[in-house]
Amino acid sequence: MTKANLIKALLVCSVQVGSVFFAQKATAQYTSEVGVGLGGLSYRGELSPGYQFKNNRPALTAFYRKDISAPITLRGGLMAGLLRADDGNVQGFNGAVPPLAAYRQANMKGSLYEASAIVEYNFFNYHYRKAKVHFTPYVFIGLAGFVANTTTATGNAGLPALDKKGAMLGLAVPAGFGLKYAVSTHWNLGLEAGARKAFTDQIDHIDGKTGGQNDRVGNPNDQDWYFYNGLSISYTFYKINCPPHYKDNPKLLR
């Protein structure tokens, strides 16, 4: 194949791919979803320096999605779940509890409520019914506000300042990835894993900045995180857009 023929072939393929994309874009922007999800909520901070699967506690979500184009979806959601962490579950390099966690002997329990606004990028249009496979991987990022109501306690009698409880408001940045699968024209299943970077170090009431005993057992340079992983089910609504010439002359529909 000559260079000129190769360029022509690439142009033809580009036009065909573009026409399919924009055809899907025209249909995708008239779909929306409502759904619910069930999963696990976990925390990372002073009492859990890394993600620990054993810290997962039940969480529920409810959401609304609006497809504004084939690849872009806007999502508003609510989440409610439980939080738990314990110094006794932290393992060091030798498998034992690290010295700081063994000295602190603290644990945290509580709940968290979140409202979020998220942008999803879909790699395929899984609502496109002429496609052979109705699924898509996606990535997402957004902004969330949350309320955490937690209680922290210690088994070390020499650290009474660690015994605290209370609620706090905070902001977080959710980001992650997932999969969507259209089981039928209206029903969909989803799988998602995401992290929330919180702009606070007070979810566990230990930040190393308050002075006194807390300065010895907290890290003032590391803010808290929380994670949600779960399954969802949603229902799709389709809106058929009436072409302008039918809107201007309704008699054509008779």
Protein backbone atom coordinates (compact mmCIF):
# COMPACT_ATOMS: atom_id res chain seq x y z
CA MET A 1 0.00 0.00 0.00
CA THR A 2 1.36 3.41 -1.01
CA LYS A 3 1.63 6.28 1.44
CA ALA A 4 -1.20 8.15 -0.33
CA ASN A 5 -3.52 5.13 -0.15
CA LEU A 6 -2.66 4.66 3.51
CA ILE A 7 -3.57 8.27 4.30
CA LYS A 8 -6.88 7.89 2.42
CA ALA A 9 -7.68 4.70 4.33
CA LEU A 10 -6.94 6.39 7.66
CA LEU A 11 -9.16 9.35 6.74
CA VAL A 12 -12.04 7.04 5.77
CA CYS A 13 -11.70 5.11 9.05
CA SER A 14 -11.57 8.35 11.04
CA VAL A 15 -14.77 9.61 9.40
CA GLN A 16 -16.54 6.31 10.07
CA VAL A 17 -15.45 6.19 13.72
CA GLY A 18 -16.40 9.84 14.17
CA SER A 19 -19.84 9.31 12.64
CA VAL A 20 -20.52 6.39 14.99
CA PHE A 21 -19.33 8.42 18.00
CA PHE A 22 -21.48 11.43 17.18
CA ALA A 23 -24.49 9.21 16.39
CA GLN A 24 -24.12 7.66 19.84
CA LYS A 25 -23.60 11.11 21.35
CA ALA A 26 -26.95 12.23 19.98
CA THR A 27 -28.77 9.37 21.69
CA ALA A 28 -26.74 9.33 24.91
CA GLN A 29 -27.57 12.88 25.92
CA TYR A 30 -31.25 11.93 26.36
CA THR A 31 -30.71 9.17 28.92
CA SER A 32 -30.58 9.36 32.70
CA GLU A 33 -30.48 6.86 35.57
CA VAL A 34 -31.54 6.53 39.19
CA GLY A 35 -30.00 3.83 41.32
CA VAL A 36 -28.95 2.49 44.69
CA GLY A 37 -25.83 0.69 45.84
CA LEU A 38 -24.46 -1.42 48.67
CA GLY A 39 -20.80 -1.70 49.60
CA GLY A 40 -18.06 -1.17 52.14
CA LEU A 41 -16.70 2.03 53.68
CA SER A 42 -13.22 2.19 55.18
CA TYR A 43 -10.82 4.81 56.50
CA ARG A 44 -7.10 5.60 56.31
CA GLY A 45 -5.37 7.86 58.81
CA GLU A 46 -3.40 7.71 62.07
CA LEU A 47 -5.21 4.55 63.24
CA SER A 48 -4.96 2.86 59.83
CA PRO A 49 -1.85 4.05 57.91
CA GLY A 50 -2.79 1.98 54.84
CA TYR A 51 -5.97 0.62 53.28
CA GLN A 52 -7.18 -2.35 55.36
CA PHE A 53 -9.93 -4.55 53.95
CA LYS A 54 -10.86 -5.73 57.47
CA ASN A 55 -11.87 -2.15 58.34
CA ASN A 56 -14.69 -2.17 55.76
CA ARG A 57 -18.11 -1.51 57.27
CA PRO A 58 -21.53 -1.44 55.52
CA ALA A 59 -22.47 1.59 53.42
CA LEU A 60 -25.49 2.52 51.28
CA THR A 61 -25.62 4.87 48.30
CA ALA A 62 -28.32 6.50 46.18
CA PHE A 63 -27.54 8.39 42.98
CA TYR A 64 -28.83 10.12 39.86
CA ARG A 65 -26.89 10.07 36.58
CA LYS A 66 -27.38 12.30 33.54
CA ASP A 67 -25.62 11.43 30.27
CA ILE A 68 -24.72 14.71 28.60
CA SER A 69 -22.76 13.01 25.78
CA ALA A 70 -21.57 9.52 24.87
CA PRO A 71 -18.46 9.68 27.06
CA ILE A 72 -19.47 12.18 29.77
CA THR A 73 -21.92 11.51 32.60
CA LEU A 74 -22.77 13.80 35.51
CA ARG A 75 -23.70 12.12 38.80
CA GLY A 76 -25.12 13.38 42.06
CA GLY A 77 -25.07 10.99 44.99
CA LEU A 78 -25.69 10.42 48.68
CA MET A 79 -23.84 7.91 50.84
CA ALA A 80 -24.19 6.77 54.45
CA GLY A 81 -21.95 4.23 56.17
CA LEU A 82 -20.06 3.15 59.26
CA LEU A 83 -16.40 3.74 60.10
CA ARG A 84 -14.02 1.62 62.15
CA ALA A 85 -10.26 1.48 62.84
CA ASP A 86 -8.07 -0.03 65.54
CA ASP A 87 -4.36 0.25 66.33
CA GLY A 88 -4.40 -3.45 67.14
CA ASN A 89 -5.11 -4.31 63.48
CA VAL A 90 -2.04 -2.48 62.15
CA GLN A 91 0.85 -4.73 61.12
CA GLY A 92 4.49 -3.69 60.83
CA PHE A 93 7.20 -5.15 58.61
CA ASN A 94 7.69 -8.10 60.97
CA GLY A 95 3.96 -8.81 61.23
CA ALA A 96 3.69 -7.38 64.75
CA VAL A 97 1.90 -4.18 65.79
CA PRO A 98 4.26 -1.21 65.21
CA PRO A 99 5.65 0.51 68.35
CA LEU A 100 3.58 3.71 67.99
CA ALA A 101 0.30 1.83 67.50
CA ALA A 102 1.17 -0.51 70.40
CA TYR A 103 1.83 2.50 72.63
CA ARG A 104 -1.26 4.45 71.55
CA GLN A 105 -3.74 1.50 71.81
CA ALA A 106 -6.48 3.62 70.24
CA ASN A 107 -9.59 2.70 68.28
CA MET A 108 -12.26 4.64 66.43
CA LYS A 109 -15.92 3.92 65.67
CA GLY A 110 -18.58 6.06 64.06
CA SER A 111 -20.53 6.97 60.95
CA LEU A 112 -20.13 9.12 57.87
CA TYR A 113 -22.64 10.82 55.56
CA GLU A 114 -21.65 12.21 52.16
CA ALA A 115 -23.18 14.27 49.35
CA SER A 116 -21.21 14.37 46.11
CA ALA A 117 -21.14 15.82 42.59
CA ILE A 118 -19.10 13.70 40.17
CA VAL A 119 -18.05 13.64 36.51
CA GLU A 120 -17.69 10.19 34.92
CA TYR A 121 -15.81 9.43 31.70
CA ASN A 122 -17.19 6.35 29.91
CA PHE A 123 -14.99 4.52 27.41
CA PHE A 124 -18.01 3.04 25.56
CA ASN A 125 -21.68 3.97 25.17
CA TYR A 126 -23.30 1.07 26.98
CA HIS A 127 -26.79 2.46 26.35
CA TYR A 128 -26.30 2.04 22.57
CA ARG A 129 -28.61 -0.92 21.94
CA LYS A 130 -27.15 -1.78 18.52
CA ALA A 131 -23.79 -2.59 20.10
CA LYS A 132 -22.98 -6.26 20.72
CA VAL A 133 -21.64 -5.70 24.24
CA HIS A 134 -23.50 -3.36 26.57
CA PHE A 135 -20.86 -2.49 29.14
CA THR A 136 -18.22 0.15 29.74
CA PRO A 137 -15.34 0.80 32.10
CA TYR A 138 -15.25 4.36 33.43
CA VAL A 139 -13.19 6.69 35.60
CA PHE A 140 -14.53 9.49 37.78
CA ILE A 141 -13.56 12.54 39.81
CA GLY A 142 -15.61 15.09 41.73
CA LEU A 143 -16.20 17.06 44.91
CA ALA A 144 -17.97 15.91 48.07
CA GLY A 145 -19.08 17.29 51.40
CA PHE A 146 -19.32 14.96 54.38
CA VAL A 147 -20.28 14.76 58.04
CA ALA A 148 -18.27 12.35 60.21
CA ASN A 149 -19.52 11.49 63.69
CA THR A 150 -16.84 9.43 65.44
CA THR A 151 -15.62 8.33 68.85
CA THR A 152 -11.94 7.67 69.56
CA ALA A 153 -10.79 5.87 72.72
CA THR A 154 -7.48 4.57 74.01
CA GLY A 155 -6.47 1.67 76.23
CA ASN A 156 -3.40 3.56 77.45
CA ALA A 157 -4.25 5.24 80.75
CA GLY A 158 -1.38 7.63 80.20
CA LEU A 159 -3.06 9.18 77.12
CA PRO A 160 -6.46 10.40 78.37
CA ALA A 161 -6.46 13.27 75.83
CA LEU A 162 -7.09 10.73 73.05
CA ASP A 163 -10.57 9.92 74.37
CA LYS A 164 -12.72 12.16 72.19
CA LYS A 165 -16.04 12.11 70.38
CA GLY A 166 -17.87 14.51 68.13
CA ALA A 167 -19.11 15.41 64.65
CA MET A 168 -17.34 17.41 61.99
CA LEU A 169 -18.01 18.83 58.52
CA GLY A 170 -15.45 18.39 55.77
CA LEU A 171 -14.70 18.46 52.05
CA ALA A 172 -13.22 15.62 50.02
CA VAL A 173 -12.25 14.81 46.43
CA PRO A 174 -13.69 11.46 45.24
CA ALA A 175 -11.81 9.66 42.46
CA GLY A 176 -11.78 6.10 41.16
CA PHE A 177 -12.97 3.69 38.50
CA GLY A 178 -15.80 1.27 37.80
CA LEU A 179 -17.74 -0.87 35.37
CA LYS A 180 -21.30 -0.48 34.09
CA TYR A 181 -23.30 -3.25 32.44
CA ALA A 182 -26.72 -2.80 30.80
CA VAL A 183 -28.60 -6.00 31.63
CA SER A 184 -31.60 -4.87 29.57
CA THR A 185 -32.98 -1.73 27.96
CA HIS A 186 -33.72 -0.20 31.36
CA TRP A 187 -31.83 -2.13 34.06
CA ASN A 188 -28.09 -1.79 34.75
CA LEU A 189 -25.53 -3.24 37.15
CA GLY A 190 -22.44 -1.41 38.36
CA LEU A 191 -19.21 -2.10 40.21
CA GLU A 192 -17.15 0.77 41.60
CA ALA A 193 -14.02 1.37 43.70
CA GLY A 194 -13.06 4.86 44.79
CA ALA A 195 -10.99 6.88 47.26
CA ARG A 196 -11.87 10.16 48.95
CA LYS A 197 -9.08 12.56 49.82
CA ALA A 198 -10.35 14.51 52.84
CA PHE A 199 -9.10 18.04 53.53
CA THR A 200 -8.92 17.35 57.26
CA ASP A 201 -7.01 15.24 59.75
CA GLN A 202 -9.81 15.22 62.31
CA ILE A 203 -11.97 12.24 61.30
CA ASP A 204 -10.15 10.23 64.00
CA HIS A 205 -9.62 13.27 66.31
CA ILE A 206 -5.84 12.73 66.14
CA ASP A 207 -3.83 15.26 64.13
CA GLY A 208 -0.63 15.96 66.05
CA LYS A 209 -1.32 19.72 66.01
CA THR A 210 -3.34 20.33 69.15
CA GLY A 211 -0.45 20.34 71.60
CA GLY A 212 0.27 18.14 74.58
CA GLN A 213 -0.03 14.37 74.37
CA ASN A 214 -1.56 14.33 70.87
CA ASP A 215 1.69 15.69 69.40
CA ARG A 216 3.44 12.47 70.36
CA VAL A 217 0.93 10.12 68.74
CA GLY A 218 -0.29 11.92 65.60
CA ASN A 219 1.15 12.92 62.23
CA PRO A 220 0.54 16.63 61.50
CA ASN A 221 1.62 16.25 57.86
CA ASP A 222 -0.86 13.56 56.72
CA GLN A 223 -4.58 14.15 56.18
CA ASP A 224 -7.27 11.47 56.37
CA TRP A 225 -8.81 9.43 53.54
CA TYR A 226 -11.88 7.23 53.23
CA PHE A 227 -12.82 4.64 50.61
CA TYR A 228 -16.02 3.22 49.14
CA ASN A 229 -16.23 0.00 47.11
CA GLY A 230 -19.56 -1.46 46.11
CA LEU A 231 -22.18 -2.81 43.74
CA SER A 232 -25.15 -0.90 42.34
CA ILE A 233 -28.35 -1.36 40.39
CA SER A 234 -29.95 1.43 38.38
CA TYR A 235 -32.90 2.14 36.09
CA THR A 236 -32.50 4.08 32.82
CA PHE A 237 -34.97 6.66 31.56
CA TYR A 238 -34.99 7.51 27.86
CA LYS A 239 -36.16 10.84 26.50
CA ILE A 240 -36.98 10.90 22.79
CA ASN A 241 -36.10 14.26 21.33
CA CYS A 242 -38.68 15.50 18.84
CA PRO A 243 -37.02 17.00 15.70
CA PRO A 244 -37.63 20.77 15.32
CA HIS A 245 -39.74 20.48 12.15
CA TYR A 246 -42.20 18.23 14.03
CA LYS A 247 -42.31 20.64 16.99
CA ASP A 248 -43.06 23.54 14.63
CA ASN A 249 -45.77 21.58 12.77
CA PRO A 250 -47.43 19.00 15.11
CA LYS A 251 -49.88 18.07 12.33
CA LEU A 252 -47.08 16.05 10.73
CA LEU A 253 -47.36 13.56 13.60
CA ARG A 254 -51.01 12.79 12.87
